Amino acid sequence: MRKLFPRPFSMAAFLAFSLGVFALAPRFASAQEQSEASRKIVSKVAPPYPDLARTMRIRGTVRVIVVVEPSGKAKLTQVVGGNPVLVKAAVDAIYKWKWAPASQETKELIQLDFHP
């Protein structure tokens, strides 16, 4: 005969998971709001168009998430889209950019378009 009630361990695990989701949900929401805030860019360096891309007639957009230090320097980059032939030029240029100072690190989404 089959039991109608779940095992005690399964029920306890489900309750712990549910409580964790509800307790942490406001923290995740505030983290997303901070990442959407855009800091003012003080100086930009245009990425050079790579010779290989020019030869192959590659065009497109590179999307990069940048962690910006409070001082305004790029600390870390994560490429989230774009042709690999164009990525290095984009990331190298972004590390030369300068943002306005802020009280804490921020995440910025940068899109660079490459057209010959």
PDB file of N, CA and C in Angstrom:
ATOM      1  N   MET A   1       0.835  -1.180   0.000  1.00  0.00           N
ATOM      2  CA  MET A   1       0.000   0.000   0.000  1.00  0.00           C
ATOM      3  C   MET A   1       0.888   1.254   0.000  1.00  0.00           C
ATOM      4  N   ARG A   2       0.506   2.240  -0.716  1.00  0.00           N
ATOM      5  CA  ARG A   2       1.274   3.475  -0.872  1.00  0.00           C
ATOM      6  C   ARG A   2       0.874   4.497   0.179  1.00  0.00           C
ATOM      7  N   LYS A   3       1.877   5.222   0.708  1.00  0.00           N
ATOM      8  CA  LYS A   3       1.601   6.246   1.721  1.00  0.00           C
ATOM      9  C   LYS A   3       1.067   7.509   1.056  1.00  0.00           C
ATOM     10  N   LEU A   4       0.178   8.187   1.713  1.00  0.00           N
ATOM     11  CA  LEU A   4      -0.386   9.419   1.181  1.00  0.00           C
ATOM     12  C   LEU A   4       0.405  10.648   1.614  1.00  0.00           C
ATOM     13  N   PHE A   5       1.215  10.521   2.646  1.00  0.00           N
ATOM     14  CA  PHE A   5       1.968  11.659   3.163  1.00  0.00           C
ATOM     15  C   PHE A   5       3.435  11.538   2.763  1.00  0.00           C
ATOM     16  N   PRO A   6       4.089  12.659   2.435  1.00  0.00           N
ATOM     17  CA  PRO A   6       5.506  12.597   2.060  1.00  0.00           C
ATOM     18  C   PRO A   6       6.372  12.237   3.262  1.00  0.00           C
ATOM     19  N   ARG A   7       7.576  11.804   2.986  1.00  0.00           N
ATOM     20  CA  ARG A   7       8.518  11.473   4.039  1.00  0.00           C
ATOM     21  C   ARG A   7       8.859  12.722   4.827  1.00  0.00           C
ATOM     22  N   PRO A   8       9.138  12.566   6.124  1.00  0.00           N
ATOM     23  CA  PRO A   8       9.467  13.741   6.952  1.00  0.00           C
ATOM     24  C   PRO A   8      10.683  14.502   6.427  1.00  0.00           C
ATOM     25  N   PHE A   9      11.707  13.792   5.954  1.00  0.00           N
ATOM     26  CA  PHE A   9      12.900  14.460   5.446  1.00  0.00           C
ATOM     27  C   PHE A   9      12.573  15.314   4.224  1.00  0.00           C
ATOM     28  N   SER A  10      11.777  14.783   3.313  1.00  0.00           N
ATOM     29  CA  SER A  10      11.407  15.527   2.102  1.00  0.00           C
ATOM     30  C   SER A  10      10.627  16.788   2.451  1.00  0.00           C
ATOM     31  N   MET A  11       9.726  16.669   3.400  1.00  0.00           N
ATOM     32  CA  MET A  11       8.919  17.821   3.812  1.00  0.00           C
ATOM     33  C   MET A  11       9.798  18.881   4.475  1.00  0.00           C
ATOM     34  N   ALA A  12      10.736  18.455   5.312  1.00  0.00           N
ATOM     35  CA  ALA A  12      11.634  19.397   5.981  1.00  0.00           C
ATOM     36  C   ALA A  12      12.523  20.112   4.969  1.00  0.00           C
ATOM     37  N   ALA A  13      13.025  19.385   3.978  1.00  0.00           N
ATOM     38  CA  ALA A  13      13.869  19.988   2.946  1.00  0.00           C
ATOM     39  C   ALA A  13      13.070  21.010   2.139  1.00  0.00           C
ATOM     40  N   PHE A  14      11.837  20.676   1.797  1.00  0.00           N
ATOM     41  CA  PHE A  14      10.994  21.597   1.047  1.00  0.00           C
ATOM     42  C   PHE A  14      10.711  22.875   1.843  1.00  0.00           C
ATOM     43  N   LEU A  15      10.416  22.737   3.121  1.00  0.00           N
ATOM     44  CA  LEU A  15      10.149  23.900   3.973  1.00  0.00           C
ATOM     45  C   LEU A  15      11.390  24.783   4.118  1.00  0.00           C
ATOM     46  N   ALA A  16      12.560  24.162   4.299  1.00  0.00           N
ATOM     47  CA  ALA A  16      13.797  24.933   4.423  1.00  0.00           C
ATOM     48  C   ALA A  16      14.081  25.707   3.135  1.00  0.00           C
ATOM     49  N   PHE A  17      13.886  25.057   1.997  1.00  0.00           N
ATOM     50  CA  PHE A  17      14.102  25.719   0.713  1.00  0.00           C
ATOM     51  C   PHE A  17      13.139  26.898   0.538  1.00  0.00           C
ATOM     52  N   SER A  18      11.877  26.680   0.852  1.00  0.00           N
ATOM     53  CA  SER A  18      10.865  27.733   0.705  1.00  0.00           C
ATOM     54  C   SER A  18      11.169  28.934   1.590  1.00  0.00           C
ATOM     55  N   LEU A  19      11.540  28.678   2.838  1.00  0.00           N
ATOM     56  CA  LEU A  19      11.875  29.782   3.740  1.00  0.00           C
ATOM     57  C   LEU A  19      13.105  30.542   3.255  1.00  0.00           C
ATOM     58  N   GLY A  20      14.090  29.821   2.730  1.00  0.00           N
ATOM     59  CA  GLY A  20      15.296  30.466   2.202  1.00  0.00           C
ATOM     60  C   GLY A  20      14.988  31.376   1.036  1.00  0.00           C
ATOM     61  N   VAL A  21      14.123  30.927   0.142  1.00  0.00           N
ATOM     62  CA  VAL A  21      13.750  31.739  -1.021  1.00  0.00           C
ATOM     63  C   VAL A  21      13.061  33.021  -0.584  1.00  0.00           C
ATOM     64  N   PHE A  22      12.120  32.920   0.348  1.00  0.00           N
ATOM     65  CA  PHE A  22      11.402  34.113   0.789  1.00  0.00           C
ATOM     66  C   PHE A  22      12.285  35.048   1.604  1.00  0.00           C
ATOM     67  N   ALA A  23      13.219  34.501   2.372  1.00  0.00           N
ATOM     68  CA  ALA A  23      14.095  35.333   3.204  1.00  0.00           C
ATOM     69  C   ALA A  23      15.129  36.071   2.358  1.00  0.00           C
ATOM     70  N   LEU A  24      15.607  35.443   1.269  1.00  0.00           N
ATOM     71  CA  LEU A  24      16.666  36.044   0.458  1.00  0.00           C
ATOM     72  C   LEU A  24      16.138  36.849  -0.725  1.00  0.00           C
ATOM     73  N   ALA A  25      14.879  36.749  -1.054  1.00  0.00           N
ATOM     74  CA  ALA A  25      14.330  37.447  -2.222  1.00  0.00           C
ATOM     75  C   ALA A  25      14.566  38.958  -2.182  1.00  0.00           C
ATOM     76  N   PRO A  26      14.368  39.657  -1.059  1.00  0.00           N
ATOM     77  CA  PRO A  26      14.623  41.094  -1.062  1.00  0.00           C
ATOM     78  C   PRO A  26      16.094  41.442  -1.324  1.00  0.00           C
ATOM     79  N   ARG A  27      17.022  40.592  -0.880  1.00  0.00           N
ATOM     80  CA  ARG A  27      18.442  40.863  -1.124  1.00  0.00           C
ATOM     81  C   ARG A  27      18.771  40.759  -2.595  1.00  0.00           C
ATOM     82  N   PHE A  28      18.213  39.753  -3.289  1.00  0.00           N
ATOM     83  CA  PHE A  28      18.461  39.617  -4.713  1.00  0.00           C
ATOM     84  C   PHE A  28      17.886  40.800  -5.479  1.00  0.00           C
ATOM     85  N   ALA A  29      16.727  41.266  -5.084  1.00  0.00           N
ATOM     86  CA  ALA A  29      16.091  42.391  -5.762  1.00  0.00           C
ATOM     87  C   ALA A  29      16.929  43.653  -5.615  1.00  0.00           C
ATOM     88  N   SER A  30      17.473  43.914  -4.430  1.00  0.00           N
ATOM     89  CA  SER A  30      18.275  45.129  -4.253  1.00  0.00           C
ATOM     90  C   SER A  30      19.583  45.033  -5.014  1.00  0.00           C
ATOM     91  N   ALA A  31      20.158  43.836  -5.137  1.00  0.00           N
ATOM     92  CA  ALA A  31      21.399  43.684  -5.899  1.00  0.00           C
ATOM     93  C   ALA A  31      21.157  43.984  -7.373  1.00  0.00           C
ATOM     94  N   GLN A  32      20.010  43.586  -7.903  1.00  0.00           N
ATOM     95  CA  GLN A  32      19.703  43.858  -9.291  1.00  0.00           C
ATOM     96  C   GLN A  32      19.516  45.351  -9.524  1.00  0.00           C
ATOM     97  N   GLU A  33      18.903  46.041  -8.595  1.00  0.00           N
ATOM     98  CA  GLU A  33      18.695  47.473  -8.754  1.00  0.00           C
ATOM     99  C   GLU A  33      20.023  48.215  -8.789  1.00  0.00           C
ATOM    100  N   GLN A  34      21.001  47.800  -7.964  1.00  0.00           N
ATOM    101  CA  GLN A  34      22.296  48.458  -7.946  1.00  0.00           C
ATOM    102  C   GLN A  34      23.022  48.258  -9.270  1.00  0.00           C
ATOM    103  N   SER A  35      22.891  47.066  -9.866  1.00  0.00           N
ATOM    104  CA  SER A  35      23.617  46.800 -11.096  1.00  0.00           C
ATOM    105  C   SER A  35      23.037  47.568 -12.282  1.00  0.00           C
ATOM    106  N   GLU A  36      21.785  47.998 -12.177  1.00  0.00           N
ATOM    107  CA  GLU A  36      21.165  48.733 -13.275  1.00  0.00           C
ATOM    108  C   GLU A  36      21.558  50.204 -13.272  1.00  0.00           C
ATOM    109  N   ALA A  37      22.059  50.703 -12.137  1.00  0.00           N
ATOM    110  CA  ALA A  37      22.449  52.108 -12.059  1.00  0.00           C
ATOM    111  C   ALA A  37      23.654  52.335 -12.951  1.00  0.00           C
ATOM    112  N   SER A  38      23.606  53.354 -13.762  1.00  0.00           N
ATOM    113  CA  SER A  38      24.681  53.625 -14.705  1.00  0.00           C
ATOM    114  C   SER A  38      25.501  54.813 -14.246  1.00  0.00           C
ATOM    115  N   ARG A  39      26.802  54.601 -14.127  1.00  0.00           N
ATOM    116  CA  ARG A  39      27.703  55.686 -13.749  1.00  0.00           C
ATOM    117  C   ARG A  39      28.113  56.472 -14.982  1.00  0.00           C
ATOM    118  N   LYS A  40      28.392  57.720 -14.757  1.00  0.00           N
ATOM    119  CA  LYS A  40      28.808  58.593 -15.855  1.00  0.00           C
ATOM    120  C   LYS A  40      30.226  58.228 -16.285  1.00  0.00           C
ATOM    121  N   ILE A  41      30.417  58.105 -17.590  1.00  0.00           N
ATOM    122  CA  ILE A  41      31.734  57.818 -18.142  1.00  0.00           C
ATOM    123  C   ILE A  41      32.448  59.152 -18.350  1.00  0.00           C
ATOM    124  N   VAL A  42      33.610  59.291 -17.734  1.00  0.00           N
ATOM    125  CA  VAL A  42      34.389  60.534 -17.815  1.00  0.00           C
ATOM    126  C   VAL A  42      35.234  60.551 -19.087  1.00  0.00           C
ATOM    127  N   SER A  43      35.869  59.428 -19.412  1.00  0.00           N
ATOM    128  CA  SER A  43      36.650  59.372 -20.651  1.00  0.00           C
ATOM    129  C   SER A  43      36.572  57.981 -21.260  1.00  0.00           C
ATOM    130  N   LYS A  44      36.445  57.959 -22.591  1.00  0.00           N
ATOM    131  CA  LYS A  44      36.348  56.712 -23.356  1.00  0.00           C
ATOM    132  C   LYS A  44      37.525  56.621 -24.313  1.00  0.00           C
ATOM    133  N   VAL A  45      37.917  55.384 -24.585  1.00  0.00           N
ATOM    134  CA  VAL A  45      38.906  55.114 -25.624  1.00  0.00           C
ATOM    135  C   VAL A  45      38.211  54.236 -26.649  1.00  0.00           C
ATOM    136  N   ALA A  46      38.198  54.679 -27.889  1.00  0.00           N
ATOM    137  CA  ALA A  46      37.542  53.894 -28.947  1.00  0.00           C
ATOM    138  C   ALA A  46      38.409  52.684 -29.280  1.00  0.00           C
ATOM    139  N   PRO A  47      37.790  51.513 -29.372  1.00  0.00           N
ATOM    140  CA  PRO A  47      38.578  50.323 -29.707  1.00  0.00           C
ATOM    141  C   PRO A  47      39.006  50.349 -31.167  1.00  0.00           C
ATOM    142  N   PRO A  48      40.243  49.955 -31.442  1.00  0.00           N
ATOM    143  CA  PRO A  48      40.658  49.876 -32.850  1.00  0.00           C
ATOM    144  C   PRO A  48      39.965  48.717 -33.540  1.00  0.00           C
ATOM    145  N   TYR A  49      39.657  48.893 -34.803  1.00  0.00           N
ATOM    146  CA  TYR A  49      39.013  47.819 -35.564  1.00  0.00           C
ATOM    147  C   TYR A  49      40.091  46.792 -35.906  1.00  0.00           C
ATOM    148  N   PRO A  50      39.970  45.550 -35.446  1.00  0.00           N
ATOM    149  CA  PRO A  50      41.015  44.542 -35.684  1.00  0.00           C
ATOM    150  C   PRO A  50      41.230  44.272 -37.178  1.00  0.00           C
ATOM    151  N   ASP A  51      42.508  44.102 -37.566  1.00  0.00           N
ATOM    152  CA  ASP A  51      42.842  43.844 -38.970  1.00  0.00           C
ATOM    153  C   ASP A  51      42.166  42.580 -39.491  1.00  0.00           C
ATOM    154  N   LEU A  52      42.144  41.529 -38.665  1.00  0.00           N
ATOM    155  CA  LEU A  52      41.504  40.284 -39.087  1.00  0.00           C
ATOM    156  C   LEU A  52      40.018  40.494 -39.358  1.00  0.00           C
ATOM    157  N   ALA A  53      39.370  41.273 -38.511  1.00  0.00           N
ATOM    158  CA  ALA A  53      37.950  41.558 -38.703  1.00  0.00           C
ATOM    159  C   ALA A  53      37.730  42.357 -39.981  1.00  0.00           C
ATOM    160  N   ARG A  54      38.628  43.281 -40.255  1.00  0.00           N
ATOM    161  CA  ARG A  54      38.512  44.084 -41.481  1.00  0.00           C
ATOM    162  C   ARG A  54      38.691  43.177 -42.711  1.00  0.00           C
ATOM    163  N   THR A  55      39.680  42.286 -42.657  1.00  0.00           N
ATOM    164  CA  THR A  55      39.937  41.374 -43.773  1.00  0.00           C
ATOM    165  C   THR A  55      38.750  40.452 -44.016  1.00  0.00           C
ATOM    166  N   MET A  56      38.167  39.956 -42.924  1.00  0.00           N
ATOM    167  CA  MET A  56      37.044  39.021 -43.035  1.00  0.00           C
ATOM    168  C   MET A  56      35.699  39.737 -43.131  1.00  0.00           C
ATOM    169  N   ARG A  57      35.723  41.059 -43.100  1.00  0.00           N
ATOM    170  CA  ARG A  57      34.506  41.886 -43.156  1.00  0.00           C
ATOM    171  C   ARG A  57      33.527  41.528 -42.037  1.00  0.00           C
ATOM    172  N   ILE A  58      34.072  41.392 -40.840  1.00  0.00           N
ATOM    173  CA  ILE A  58      33.255  41.073 -39.674  1.00  0.00           C
ATOM    174  C   ILE A  58      32.783  42.369 -39.047  1.00  0.00           C
ATOM    175  N   ARG A  59      31.512  42.438 -38.774  1.00  0.00           N
ATOM    176  CA  ARG A  59      30.935  43.566 -38.057  1.00  0.00           C
ATOM    177  C   ARG A  59      30.049  43.007 -36.964  1.00  0.00           C
ATOM    178  N   GLY A  60      29.736  43.838 -35.998  1.00  0.00           N
ATOM    179  CA  GLY A  60      28.855  43.371 -34.943  1.00  0.00           C
ATOM    180  C   GLY A  60      29.010  44.159 -33.663  1.00  0.00           C
ATOM    181  N   THR A  61      28.346  43.676 -32.631  1.00  0.00           N
ATOM    182  CA  THR A  61      28.324  44.333 -31.335  1.00  0.00           C
ATOM    183  C   THR A  61      28.927  43.400 -30.294  1.00  0.00           C
ATOM    184  N   VAL A  62      29.763  43.966 -29.437  1.00  0.00           N
ATOM    185  CA  VAL A  62      30.328  43.233 -28.309  1.00  0.00           C
ATOM    186  C   VAL A  62      29.683  43.792 -27.050  1.00  0.00           C
ATOM    187  N   ARG A  63      29.155  42.894 -26.204  1.00  0.00           N
ATOM    188  CA  ARG A  63      28.532  43.304 -24.936  1.00  0.00           C
ATOM    189  C   ARG A  63      29.410  42.809 -23.802  1.00  0.00           C
ATOM    190  N   VAL A  64      29.741  43.728 -22.892  1.00  0.00           N
ATOM    191  CA  VAL A  64      30.643  43.416 -21.786  1.00  0.00           C
ATOM    192  C   VAL A  64      30.066  43.972 -20.491  1.00  0.00           C
ATOM    193  N   ILE A  65      30.071  43.142 -19.435  1.00  0.00           N
ATOM    194  CA  ILE A  65      29.730  43.626 -18.101  1.00  0.00           C
ATOM    195  C   ILE A  65      31.037  44.011 -17.436  1.00  0.00           C
ATOM    196  N   VAL A  66      31.088  45.225 -16.903  1.00  0.00           N
ATOM    197  CA  VAL A  66      32.304  45.747 -16.280  1.00  0.00           C
ATOM    198  C   VAL A  66      32.034  46.034 -14.812  1.00  0.00           C
ATOM    199  N   VAL A  67      32.912  45.533 -13.943  1.00  0.00           N
ATOM    200  CA  VAL A  67      32.867  45.906 -12.534  1.00  0.00           C
ATOM    201  C   VAL A  67      33.784  47.118 -12.401  1.00  0.00           C
ATOM    202  N   VAL A  68      33.212  48.236 -11.962  1.00  0.00           N
ATOM    203  CA  VAL A  68      33.951  49.489 -11.860  1.00  0.00           C
ATOM    204  C   VAL A  68      34.243  49.775 -10.389  1.00  0.00           C
ATOM    205  N   GLU A  69      35.509  50.035 -10.089  1.00  0.00           N
ATOM    206  CA  GLU A  69      35.927  50.353  -8.720  1.00  0.00           C
ATOM    207  C   GLU A  69      35.344  51.698  -8.295  1.00  0.00           C
ATOM    208  N   PRO A  70      35.288  51.964  -6.991  1.00  0.00           N
ATOM    209  CA  PRO A  70      34.800  53.270  -6.533  1.00  0.00           C
ATOM    210  C   PRO A  70      35.605  54.439  -7.120  1.00  0.00           C
ATOM    211  N   SER A  71      36.888  54.211  -7.404  1.00  0.00           N
ATOM    212  CA  SER A  71      37.726  55.274  -7.979  1.00  0.00           C
ATOM    213  C   SER A  71      37.388  55.583  -9.430  1.00  0.00           C
ATOM    214  N   GLY A  72      36.685  54.666 -10.110  1.00  0.00           N
ATOM    215  CA  GLY A  72      36.296  54.900 -11.497  1.00  0.00           C
ATOM    216  C   GLY A  72      37.063  54.070 -12.502  1.00  0.00           C
ATOM    217  N   LYS A  73      37.926  53.168 -12.046  1.00  0.00           N
ATOM    218  CA  LYS A  73      38.684  52.301 -12.954  1.00  0.00           C
ATOM    219  C   LYS A  73      37.963  50.978 -13.139  1.00  0.00           C
ATOM    220  N   ALA A  74      38.121  50.379 -14.319  1.00  0.00           N
ATOM    221  CA  ALA A  74      37.563  49.055 -14.575  1.00  0.00           C
ATOM    222  C   ALA A  74      38.363  48.028 -13.789  1.00  0.00           C
ATOM    223  N   LYS A  75      37.669  47.225 -13.016  1.00  0.00           N
ATOM    224  CA  LYS A  75      38.329  46.223 -12.179  1.00  0.00           C
ATOM    225  C   LYS A  75      38.283  44.842 -12.832  1.00  0.00           C
ATOM    226  N   LEU A  76      37.143  44.516 -13.428  1.00  0.00           N
ATOM    227  CA  LEU A  76      36.920  43.184 -13.963  1.00  0.00           C
ATOM    228  C   LEU A  76      35.945  43.281 -15.125  1.00  0.00           C
ATOM    229  N   THR A  77      36.148  42.449 -16.143  1.00  0.00           N
ATOM    230  CA  THR A  77      35.218  42.423 -17.276  1.00  0.00           C
ATOM    231  C   THR A  77      34.728  41.005 -17.508  1.00  0.00           C
ATOM    232  N   GLN A  78      33.506  40.911 -18.023  1.00  0.00           N
ATOM    233  CA  GLN A  78      32.927  39.627 -18.407  1.00  0.00           C
ATOM    234  C   GLN A  78      32.195  39.832 -19.723  1.00  0.00           C
ATOM    235  N   VAL A  79      32.659  39.164 -20.751  1.00  0.00           N
ATOM    236  CA  VAL A  79      32.036  39.274 -22.072  1.00  0.00           C
ATOM    237  C   VAL A  79      30.757  38.456 -22.069  1.00  0.00           C
ATOM    238  N   VAL A  80      29.659  39.085 -22.474  1.00  0.00           N
ATOM    239  CA  VAL A  80      28.369  38.396 -22.505  1.00  0.00           C
ATOM    240  C   VAL A  80      27.823  38.247 -23.923  1.00  0.00           C
ATOM    241  N   GLY A  81      28.551  38.741 -24.916  1.00  0.00           N
ATOM    242  CA  GLY A  81      28.108  38.564 -26.286  1.00  0.00           C
ATOM    243  C   GLY A  81      29.023  39.255 -27.263  1.00  0.00           C
ATOM    244  N   GLY A  82      29.118  38.679 -28.446  1.00  0.00           N
ATOM    245  CA  GLY A  82      29.910  39.304 -29.491  1.00  0.00           C
ATOM    246  C   GLY A  82      30.821  38.314 -30.179  1.00  0.00           C
ATOM    247  N   ASN A  83      31.300  38.720 -31.345  1.00  0.00           N
ATOM    248  CA  ASN A  83      32.202  37.889 -32.122  1.00  0.00           C
ATOM    249  C   ASN A  83      33.568  37.833 -31.436  1.00  0.00           C
ATOM    250  N   PRO A  84      34.139  36.627 -31.260  1.00  0.00           N
ATOM    251  CA  PRO A  84      35.436  36.506 -30.590  1.00  0.00           C
ATOM    252  C   PRO A  84      36.561  37.296 -31.253  1.00  0.00           C
ATOM    253  N   VAL A  85      36.462  37.539 -32.546  1.00  0.00           N
ATOM    254  CA  VAL A  85      37.495  38.321 -33.236  1.00  0.00           C
ATOM    255  C   VAL A  85      37.484  39.775 -32.754  1.00  0.00           C
ATOM    256  N   LEU A  86      36.334  40.261 -32.310  1.00  0.00           N
ATOM    257  CA  LEU A  86      36.196  41.651 -31.880  1.00  0.00           C
ATOM    258  C   LEU A  86      36.366  41.844 -30.369  1.00  0.00           C
ATOM    259  N   VAL A  87      36.263  40.761 -29.602  1.00  0.00           N
ATOM    260  CA  VAL A  87      36.219  40.853 -28.144  1.00  0.00           C
ATOM    261  C   VAL A  87      37.474  41.467 -27.539  1.00  0.00           C
ATOM    262  N   LYS A  88      38.656  41.024 -27.940  1.00  0.00           N
ATOM    263  CA  LYS A  88      39.891  41.514 -27.323  1.00  0.00           C
ATOM    264  C   LYS A  88      40.037  43.025 -27.492  1.00  0.00           C
ATOM    265  N   ALA A  89      39.757  43.535 -28.670  1.00  0.00           N
ATOM    266  CA  ALA A  89      39.849  44.984 -28.896  1.00  0.00           C
ATOM    267  C   ALA A  89      38.881  45.738 -27.995  1.00  0.00           C
ATOM    268  N   ALA A  90      37.672  45.193 -27.832  1.00  0.00           N
ATOM    269  CA  ALA A  90      36.667  45.845 -26.987  1.00  0.00           C
ATOM    270  C   ALA A  90      37.108  45.870 -25.527  1.00  0.00           C
ATOM    271  N   VAL A  91      37.545  44.734 -25.015  1.00  0.00           N
ATOM    272  CA  VAL A  91      37.943  44.644 -23.605  1.00  0.00           C
ATOM    273  C   VAL A  91      39.171  45.505 -23.337  1.00  0.00           C
ATOM    274  N   ASP A  92      40.155  45.475 -24.224  1.00  0.00           N
ATOM    275  CA  ASP A  92      41.351  46.313 -24.034  1.00  0.00           C
ATOM    276  C   ASP A  92      40.994  47.792 -23.961  1.00  0.00           C
ATOM    277  N   ALA A  93      40.068  48.218 -24.795  1.00  0.00           N
ATOM    278  CA  ALA A  93      39.646  49.620 -24.789  1.00  0.00           C
ATOM    279  C   ALA A  93      38.905  49.967 -23.501  1.00  0.00           C
ATOM    280  N   ILE A  94      38.036  49.074 -23.042  1.00  0.00           N
ATOM    281  CA  ILE A  94      37.242  49.342 -21.831  1.00  0.00           C
ATOM    282  C   ILE A  94      38.135  49.505 -20.608  1.00  0.00           C
ATOM    283  N   TYR A  95      39.231  48.741 -20.535  1.00  0.00           N
ATOM    284  CA  TYR A  95      40.145  48.888 -19.394  1.00  0.00           C
ATOM    285  C   TYR A  95      40.821  50.261 -19.366  1.00  0.00           C
ATOM    286  N   LYS A  96      40.779  50.985 -20.460  1.00  0.00           N
ATOM    287  CA  LYS A  96      41.355  52.337 -20.511  1.00  0.00           C
ATOM    288  C   LYS A  96      40.327  53.424 -20.188  1.00  0.00           C
ATOM    289  N   TRP A  97      39.063  53.051 -20.057  1.00  0.00           N
ATOM    290  CA  TRP A  97      38.006  54.013 -19.754  1.00  0.00           C
ATOM    291  C   TRP A  97      38.099  54.468 -18.305  1.00  0.00           C
ATOM    292  N   LYS A  98      37.481  55.611 -18.028  1.00  0.00           N
ATOM    293  CA  LYS A  98      37.417  56.161 -16.674  1.00  0.00           C
ATOM    294  C   LYS A  98      35.982  56.573 -16.396  1.00  0.00           C
ATOM    295  N   TRP A  99      35.457  56.155 -15.222  1.00  0.00           N
ATOM    296  CA  TRP A  99      34.110  56.516 -14.785  1.00  0.00           C
ATOM    297  C   TRP A  99      34.195  57.518 -13.650  1.00  0.00           C
ATOM    298  N   ALA A 100      33.093  58.205 -13.396  1.00  0.00           N
ATOM    299  CA  ALA A 100      33.020  59.154 -12.281  1.00  0.00           C
ATOM    300  C   ALA A 100      33.169  58.389 -10.963  1.00  0.00           C
ATOM    301  N   PRO A 101      33.818  58.982  -9.970  1.00  0.00           N
ATOM    302  CA  PRO A 101      33.950  58.314  -8.665  1.00  0.00           C
ATOM    303  C   PRO A 101      32.580  58.038  -8.039  1.00  0.00           C
ATOM    304  N   ALA A 102      32.531  56.985  -7.217  1.00  0.00           N
ATOM    305  CA  ALA A 102      31.291  56.612  -6.526  1.00  0.00           C
ATOM    306  C   ALA A 102      31.661  56.038  -5.159  1.00  0.00           C
ATOM    307  N   SER A 103      30.662  55.829  -4.325  1.00  0.00           N
ATOM    308  CA  SER A 103      30.908  55.329  -2.976  1.00  0.00           C
ATOM    309  C   SER A 103      31.157  53.822  -2.933  1.00  0.00           C
ATOM    310  N   GLN A 104      30.777  53.096  -4.008  1.00  0.00           N
ATOM    311  CA  GLN A 104      30.976  51.650  -4.027  1.00  0.00           C
ATOM    312  C   GLN A 104      31.189  51.163  -5.450  1.00  0.00           C
ATOM    313  N   GLU A 105      31.573  49.886  -5.575  1.00  0.00           N
ATOM    314  CA  GLU A 105      31.712  49.283  -6.899  1.00  0.00           C
ATOM    315  C   GLU A 105      30.352  49.205  -7.578  1.00  0.00           C
ATOM    316  N   THR A 106      30.366  49.301  -8.885  1.00  0.00           N
ATOM    317  CA  THR A 106      29.134  49.135  -9.653  1.00  0.00           C
ATOM    318  C   THR A 106      29.398  48.206 -10.824  1.00  0.00           C
ATOM    319  N   LYS A 107      28.333  47.654 -11.377  1.00  0.00           N
ATOM    320  CA  LYS A 107      28.405  46.847 -12.588  1.00  0.00           C
ATOM    321  C   LYS A 107      27.754  47.639 -13.705  1.00  0.00           C
ATOM    322  N   GLU A 108      28.451  47.718 -14.804  1.00  0.00           N
ATOM    323  CA  GLU A 108      27.961  48.462 -15.957  1.00  0.00           C
ATOM    324  C   GLU A 108      27.923  47.544 -17.167  1.00  0.00           C
ATOM    325  N   LEU A 109      26.881  47.647 -17.974  1.00  0.00           N
ATOM    326  CA  LEU A 109      26.785  46.910 -19.215  1.00  0.00           C
ATOM    327  C   LEU A 109      27.193  47.847 -20.343  1.00  0.00           C
ATOM    328  N   ILE A 110      28.246  47.446 -21.058  1.00  0.00           N
ATOM    329  CA  ILE A 110      28.774  48.264 -22.147  1.00  0.00           C
ATOM    330  C   ILE A 110      28.547  47.529 -23.468  1.00  0.00           C
ATOM    331  N   GLN A 111      28.085  48.244 -24.469  1.00  0.00           N
ATOM    332  CA  GLN A 111      27.917  47.703 -25.817  1.00  0.00           C
ATOM    333  C   GLN A 111      28.792  48.504 -26.770  1.00  0.00           C
ATOM    334  N   LEU A 112      29.646  47.827 -27.503  1.00  0.00           N
ATOM    335  CA  LEU A 112      30.497  48.488 -28.489  1.00  0.00           C
ATOM    336  C   LEU A 112      30.174  47.914 -29.861  1.00  0.00           C
ATOM    337  N   ASP A 113      29.885  48.810 -30.805  1.00  0.00           N
ATOM    338  CA  ASP A 113      29.559  48.405 -32.165  1.00  0.00           C
ATOM    339  C   ASP A 113      30.797  48.512 -33.038  1.00  0.00           C
ATOM    340  N   PHE A 114      31.055  47.483 -33.816  1.00  0.00           N
ATOM    341  CA  PHE A 114      32.174  47.465 -34.744  1.00  0.00           C
ATOM    342  C   PHE A 114      31.632  47.426 -36.168  1.00  0.00           C
ATOM    343  N   HIS A 115      31.947  48.461 -36.915  1.00  0.00           N
ATOM    344  CA  HIS A 115      31.560  48.546 -38.324  1.00  0.00           C
ATOM    345  C   HIS A 115      32.747  49.089 -39.096  1.00  0.00           C
ATOM    346  N   PRO A 116      33.107  48.451 -40.224  1.00  0.00           N
ATOM    347  CA  PRO A 116      34.300  48.918 -40.980  1.00  0.00           C
ATOM    348  C   PRO A 116      34.113  50.294 -41.574  1.00  0.00           C
TER     349      PRO A 116
END
